[in-house]
């Protein structure tokens, strides 16, 4: 059982970073706000993995 106060380290691979950059570059051609939203949501989801690492594989 996970404890509520335990904090995990989230490591974002180089490949995942490059994919985010690539998707953002494509998306910004359509909508700058959509690209910013993508980046913000990615950061929020990655941060949430610090507390709930088993929610995604």
PDB file of N, CA and C in Angstrom:
ATOM      1  N   UNK A   1       0.841  -1.179   0.000  1.00  0.00           N
ATOM      2  CA  UNK A   1       0.000   0.000   0.000  1.00  0.00           C
ATOM      3  C   UNK A   1       0.888   1.245   0.000  1.00  0.00           C
ATOM      4  N   UNK A   2       0.536   2.204  -0.843  1.00  0.00           N
ATOM      5  CA  UNK A   2       1.306   3.434  -0.917  1.00  0.00           C
ATOM      6  C   UNK A   2       0.895   4.370   0.212  1.00  0.00           C
ATOM      7  N   UNK A   3       1.885   5.098   0.726  1.00  0.00           N
ATOM      8  CA  UNK A   3       1.561   6.086   1.741  1.00  0.00           C
ATOM      9  C   UNK A   3       1.324   7.428   1.065  1.00  0.00           C
ATOM     10  N   UNK A   4       0.440   8.211   1.627  1.00  0.00           N
ATOM     11  CA  UNK A   4       0.051   9.484   1.030  1.00  0.00           C
ATOM     12  C   UNK A   4       1.200  10.487   0.987  1.00  0.00           C
ATOM     13  N   UNK A   5       2.153  10.367   1.901  1.00  0.00           N
ATOM     14  CA  UNK A   5       3.226  11.352   1.960  1.00  0.00           C
ATOM     15  C   UNK A   5       4.483  10.948   1.185  1.00  0.00           C
ATOM     16  N   UNK A   6       4.480   9.772   0.599  1.00  0.00           N
ATOM     17  CA  UNK A   6       5.647   9.337  -0.171  1.00  0.00           C
ATOM     18  C   UNK A   6       5.668  10.056  -1.517  1.00  0.00           C
ATOM     19  N   UNK A   7       6.843  10.512  -1.909  1.00  0.00           N
ATOM     20  CA  UNK A   7       7.005  11.230  -3.166  1.00  0.00           C
ATOM     21  C   UNK A   7       8.028  10.481  -4.025  1.00  0.00           C
ATOM     22  N   UNK A   8       7.662  10.180  -5.241  1.00  0.00           N
ATOM     23  CA  UNK A   8       8.521   9.452  -6.168  1.00  0.00           C
ATOM     24  C   UNK A   8       9.202  10.424  -7.124  1.00  0.00           C
ATOM     25  N   UNK A   9      10.309   9.994  -7.681  1.00  0.00           N
ATOM     26  CA  UNK A   9      11.002  10.775  -8.698  1.00  0.00           C
ATOM     27  C   UNK A   9      10.505  10.347 -10.068  1.00  0.00           C
ATOM     28  N   UNK A  10      10.082  11.313 -10.847  1.00  0.00           N
ATOM     29  CA  UNK A  10       9.597  11.041 -12.201  1.00  0.00           C
ATOM     30  C   UNK A  10      10.713  11.398 -13.165  1.00  0.00           C
ATOM     31  N   UNK A  11      11.078  10.443 -13.998  1.00  0.00           N
ATOM     32  CA  UNK A  11      12.127  10.660 -14.990  1.00  0.00           C
ATOM     33  C   UNK A  11      11.467  10.654 -16.362  1.00  0.00           C
ATOM     34  N   UNK A  12      11.612  11.744 -17.077  1.00  0.00           N
ATOM     35  CA  UNK A  12      11.054  11.856 -18.422  1.00  0.00           C
ATOM     36  C   UNK A  12      12.190  11.583 -19.401  1.00  0.00           C
ATOM     37  N   UNK A  13      12.021  10.548 -20.182  1.00  0.00           N
ATOM     38  CA  UNK A  13      13.086  10.126 -21.099  1.00  0.00           C
ATOM     39  C   UNK A  13      13.337  11.183 -22.174  1.00  0.00           C
ATOM     40  N   UNK A  14      14.515  11.108 -22.769  1.00  0.00           N
ATOM     41  CA  UNK A  14      14.849  12.001 -23.881  1.00  0.00           C
ATOM     42  C   UNK A  14      13.870  11.814 -25.031  1.00  0.00           C
ATOM     43  N   UNK A  15      13.488  10.566 -25.263  1.00  0.00           N
ATOM     44  CA  UNK A  15      12.544  10.275 -26.345  1.00  0.00           C
ATOM     45  C   UNK A  15      11.181  10.939 -26.082  1.00  0.00           C
ATOM     46  N   UNK A  16      10.702  10.857 -24.854  1.00  0.00           N
ATOM     47  CA  UNK A  16       9.426  11.492 -24.510  1.00  0.00           C
ATOM     48  C   UNK A  16       9.521  13.011 -24.643  1.00  0.00           C
ATOM     49  N   UNK A  17      10.636  13.575 -24.230  1.00  0.00           N
ATOM     50  CA  UNK A  17      10.844  15.018 -24.357  1.00  0.00           C
ATOM     51  C   UNK A  17      10.833  15.435 -25.817  1.00  0.00           C
ATOM     52  N   UNK A  18      11.525  14.670 -26.650  1.00  0.00           N
ATOM     53  CA  UNK A  18      11.558  14.990 -28.079  1.00  0.00           C
ATOM     54  C   UNK A  18      10.177  14.855 -28.723  1.00  0.00           C
ATOM     55  N   UNK A  19       9.411  13.872 -28.276  1.00  0.00           N
ATOM     56  CA  UNK A  19       8.050  13.707 -28.802  1.00  0.00           C
ATOM     57  C   UNK A  19       7.179  14.901 -28.417  1.00  0.00           C
ATOM     58  N   UNK A  20       7.307  15.377 -27.175  1.00  0.00           N
ATOM     59  CA  UNK A  20       6.541  16.542 -26.730  1.00  0.00           C
ATOM     60  C   UNK A  20       6.920  17.769 -27.561  1.00  0.00           C
ATOM     61  N   UNK A  21       8.195  17.957 -27.776  1.00  0.00           N
ATOM     62  CA  UNK A  21       8.658  19.091 -28.591  1.00  0.00           C
ATOM     63  C   UNK A  21       8.112  18.980 -30.010  1.00  0.00           C
ATOM     64  N   UNK A  22       8.188  17.803 -30.580  1.00  0.00           N
ATOM     65  CA  UNK A  22       7.704  17.586 -31.938  1.00  0.00           C
ATOM     66  C   UNK A  22       6.200  17.859 -32.053  1.00  0.00           C
ATOM     67  N   UNK A  23       5.427  17.312 -31.123  1.00  0.00           N
ATOM     68  CA  UNK A  23       3.979  17.524 -31.140  1.00  0.00           C
ATOM     69  C   UNK A  23       3.639  18.998 -30.929  1.00  0.00           C
ATOM     70  N   UNK A  24       4.378  19.642 -30.050  1.00  0.00           N
ATOM     71  CA  UNK A  24       4.131  21.057 -29.774  1.00  0.00           C
ATOM     72  C   UNK A  24       4.440  21.918 -30.990  1.00  0.00           C
ATOM     73  N   UNK A  25       5.530  21.616 -31.674  1.00  0.00           N
ATOM     74  CA  UNK A  25       5.892  22.372 -32.886  1.00  0.00           C
ATOM     75  C   UNK A  25       4.826  22.224 -33.963  1.00  0.00           C
ATOM     76  N   UNK A  26       4.302  21.017 -34.106  1.00  0.00           N
ATOM     77  CA  UNK A  26       3.232  20.795 -35.079  1.00  0.00           C
ATOM     78  C   UNK A  26       1.972  21.544 -34.665  1.00  0.00           C
ATOM     79  N   UNK A  27       1.599  21.404 -33.404  1.00  0.00           N
ATOM     80  CA  UNK A  27       0.355  21.981 -32.906  1.00  0.00           C
ATOM     81  C   UNK A  27       0.376  23.502 -32.934  1.00  0.00           C
ATOM     82  N   UNK A  28       1.520  24.116 -32.697  1.00  0.00           N
ATOM     83  CA  UNK A  28       1.604  25.575 -32.675  1.00  0.00           C
ATOM     84  C   UNK A  28       1.282  26.169 -34.046  1.00  0.00           C
ATOM     85  N   UNK A  29       1.452  25.385 -35.102  1.00  0.00           N
ATOM     86  CA  UNK A  29       1.091  25.859 -36.440  1.00  0.00           C
ATOM     87  C   UNK A  29      -0.419  26.027 -36.583  1.00  0.00           C
ATOM     88  N   UNK A  30      -1.164  25.279 -35.796  1.00  0.00           N
ATOM     89  CA  UNK A  30      -2.622  25.351 -35.811  1.00  0.00           C
ATOM     90  C   UNK A  30      -3.115  26.334 -34.756  1.00  0.00           C
ATOM     91  N   UNK A  31      -2.579  26.199 -33.542  1.00  0.00           N
ATOM     92  CA  UNK A  31      -3.029  27.023 -32.427  1.00  0.00           C
ATOM     93  C   UNK A  31      -1.938  27.106 -31.371  1.00  0.00           C
ATOM     94  N   UNK A  32      -1.470  28.320 -31.142  1.00  0.00           N
ATOM     95  CA  UNK A  32      -0.448  28.507 -30.116  1.00  0.00           C
ATOM     96  C   UNK A  32      -0.999  28.136 -28.738  1.00  0.00           C
ATOM     97  N   UNK A  33      -2.239  28.501 -28.477  1.00  0.00           N
ATOM     98  CA  UNK A  33      -2.842  28.191 -27.184  1.00  0.00           C
ATOM     99  C   UNK A  33      -2.956  26.686 -26.978  1.00  0.00           C
ATOM    100  N   UNK A  34      -3.308  25.949 -28.026  1.00  0.00           N
ATOM    101  CA  UNK A  34      -3.413  24.490 -27.923  1.00  0.00           C
ATOM    102  C   UNK A  34      -2.045  23.882 -27.599  1.00  0.00           C
ATOM    103  N   UNK A  35      -0.995  24.403 -28.203  1.00  0.00           N
ATOM    104  CA  UNK A  35       0.360  23.909 -27.930  1.00  0.00           C
ATOM    105  C   UNK A  35       0.751  24.194 -26.482  1.00  0.00           C
ATOM    106  N   UNK A  36       0.434  25.387 -26.003  1.00  0.00           N
ATOM    107  CA  UNK A  36       0.727  25.730 -24.609  1.00  0.00           C
ATOM    108  C   UNK A  36      -0.070  24.851 -23.657  1.00  0.00           C
ATOM    109  N   UNK A  37      -1.317  24.575 -24.009  1.00  0.00           N
ATOM    110  CA  UNK A  37      -2.153  23.696 -23.184  1.00  0.00           C
ATOM    111  C   UNK A  37      -1.571  22.290 -23.117  1.00  0.00           C
ATOM    112  N   UNK A  38      -1.071  21.798 -24.243  1.00  0.00           N
ATOM    113  CA  UNK A  38      -0.458  20.467 -24.283  1.00  0.00           C
ATOM    114  C   UNK A  38       0.726  20.393 -23.323  1.00  0.00           C
ATOM    115  N   UNK A  39       1.581  21.396 -23.388  1.00  0.00           N
ATOM    116  CA  UNK A  39       2.769  21.419 -22.532  1.00  0.00           C
ATOM    117  C   UNK A  39       2.372  21.519 -21.060  1.00  0.00           C
ATOM    118  N   UNK A  40       1.420  22.385 -20.767  1.00  0.00           N
ATOM    119  CA  UNK A  40       0.961  22.550 -19.383  1.00  0.00           C
ATOM    120  C   UNK A  40       0.366  21.258 -18.846  1.00  0.00           C
ATOM    121  N   UNK A  41      -0.478  20.623 -19.647  1.00  0.00           N
ATOM    122  CA  UNK A  41      -1.111  19.381 -19.203  1.00  0.00           C
ATOM    123  C   UNK A  41      -0.071  18.277 -19.006  1.00  0.00           C
ATOM    124  N   UNK A  42       0.901  18.209 -19.895  1.00  0.00           N
ATOM    125  CA  UNK A  42       1.978  17.222 -19.758  1.00  0.00           C
ATOM    126  C   UNK A  42       2.710  17.413 -18.432  1.00  0.00           C
ATOM    127  N   UNK A  43       3.048  18.657 -18.128  1.00  0.00           N
ATOM    128  CA  UNK A  43       3.752  18.950 -16.877  1.00  0.00           C
ATOM    129  C   UNK A  43       2.908  18.566 -15.665  1.00  0.00           C
ATOM    130  N   UNK A  44       1.606  18.876 -15.725  1.00  0.00           N
ATOM    131  CA  UNK A  44       0.716  18.548 -14.609  1.00  0.00           C
ATOM    132  C   UNK A  44       0.613  17.035 -14.411  1.00  0.00           C
ATOM    133  N   UNK A  45       0.467  16.302 -15.509  1.00  0.00           N
ATOM    134  CA  UNK A  45       0.347  14.840 -15.412  1.00  0.00           C
ATOM    135  C   UNK A  45       1.644  14.223 -14.922  1.00  0.00           C
ATOM    136  N   UNK A  46       2.767  14.719 -15.401  1.00  0.00           N
ATOM    137  CA  UNK A  46       4.060  14.201 -14.951  1.00  0.00           C
ATOM    138  C   UNK A  46       4.251  14.486 -13.460  1.00  0.00           C
ATOM    139  N   UNK A  47       3.866  15.672 -13.020  1.00  0.00           N
ATOM    140  CA  UNK A  47       3.984  16.035 -11.606  1.00  0.00           C
ATOM    141  C   UNK A  47       3.096  15.142 -10.739  1.00  0.00           C
ATOM    142  N   UNK A  48       1.904  14.803 -11.244  1.00  0.00           N
ATOM    143  CA  UNK A  48       0.984  13.979 -10.456  1.00  0.00           C
ATOM    144  C   UNK A  48       1.520  12.553 -10.274  1.00  0.00           C
ATOM    145  N   UNK A  49       2.407  12.128 -11.163  1.00  0.00           N
ATOM    146  CA  UNK A  49       3.009  10.806 -11.018  1.00  0.00           C
ATOM    147  C   UNK A  49       3.923  10.715  -9.796  1.00  0.00           C
ATOM    148  N   UNK A  50       4.363  11.871  -9.282  1.00  0.00           N
ATOM    149  CA  UNK A  50       5.181  11.864  -8.076  1.00  0.00           C
ATOM    150  C   UNK A  50       4.426  11.265  -6.896  1.00  0.00           C
ATOM    151  N   UNK A  51       3.126  11.427  -6.884  1.00  0.00           N
ATOM    152  CA  UNK A  51       2.299  10.932  -5.779  1.00  0.00           C
ATOM    153  C   UNK A  51       1.566   9.629  -6.127  1.00  0.00           C
ATOM    154  N   UNK A  52       1.293   9.410  -7.403  1.00  0.00           N
ATOM    155  CA  UNK A  52       0.530   8.227  -7.829  1.00  0.00           C
ATOM    156  C   UNK A  52       1.212   7.560  -9.025  1.00  0.00           C
ATOM    157  N   UNK A  53       2.381   6.975  -8.817  1.00  0.00           N
ATOM    158  CA  UNK A  53       3.141   6.438  -9.946  1.00  0.00           C
ATOM    159  C   UNK A  53       2.515   5.201 -10.600  1.00  0.00           C
ATOM    160  N   UNK A  54       1.650   4.524  -9.892  1.00  0.00           N
ATOM    161  CA  UNK A  54       1.083   3.289 -10.442  1.00  0.00           C
ATOM    162  C   UNK A  54      -0.209   3.524 -11.203  1.00  0.00           C
ATOM    163  N   UNK A  55      -0.587   4.794 -11.390  1.00  0.00           N
ATOM    164  CA  UNK A  55      -1.827   5.073 -12.118  1.00  0.00           C
ATOM    165  C   UNK A  55      -1.676   4.850 -13.612  1.00  0.00           C
ATOM    166  N   UNK A  56      -0.466   4.899 -14.124  1.00  0.00           N
ATOM    167  CA  UNK A  56      -0.169   4.641 -15.543  1.00  0.00           C
ATOM    168  C   UNK A  56       1.026   3.705 -15.609  1.00  0.00           C
ATOM    169  N   UNK A  57       1.063   2.959 -16.686  1.00  0.00           N
ATOM    170  CA  UNK A  57       2.230   2.079 -16.858  1.00  0.00           C
ATOM    171  C   UNK A  57       3.393   2.837 -17.454  1.00  0.00           C
TER     172      UNK A  57
END
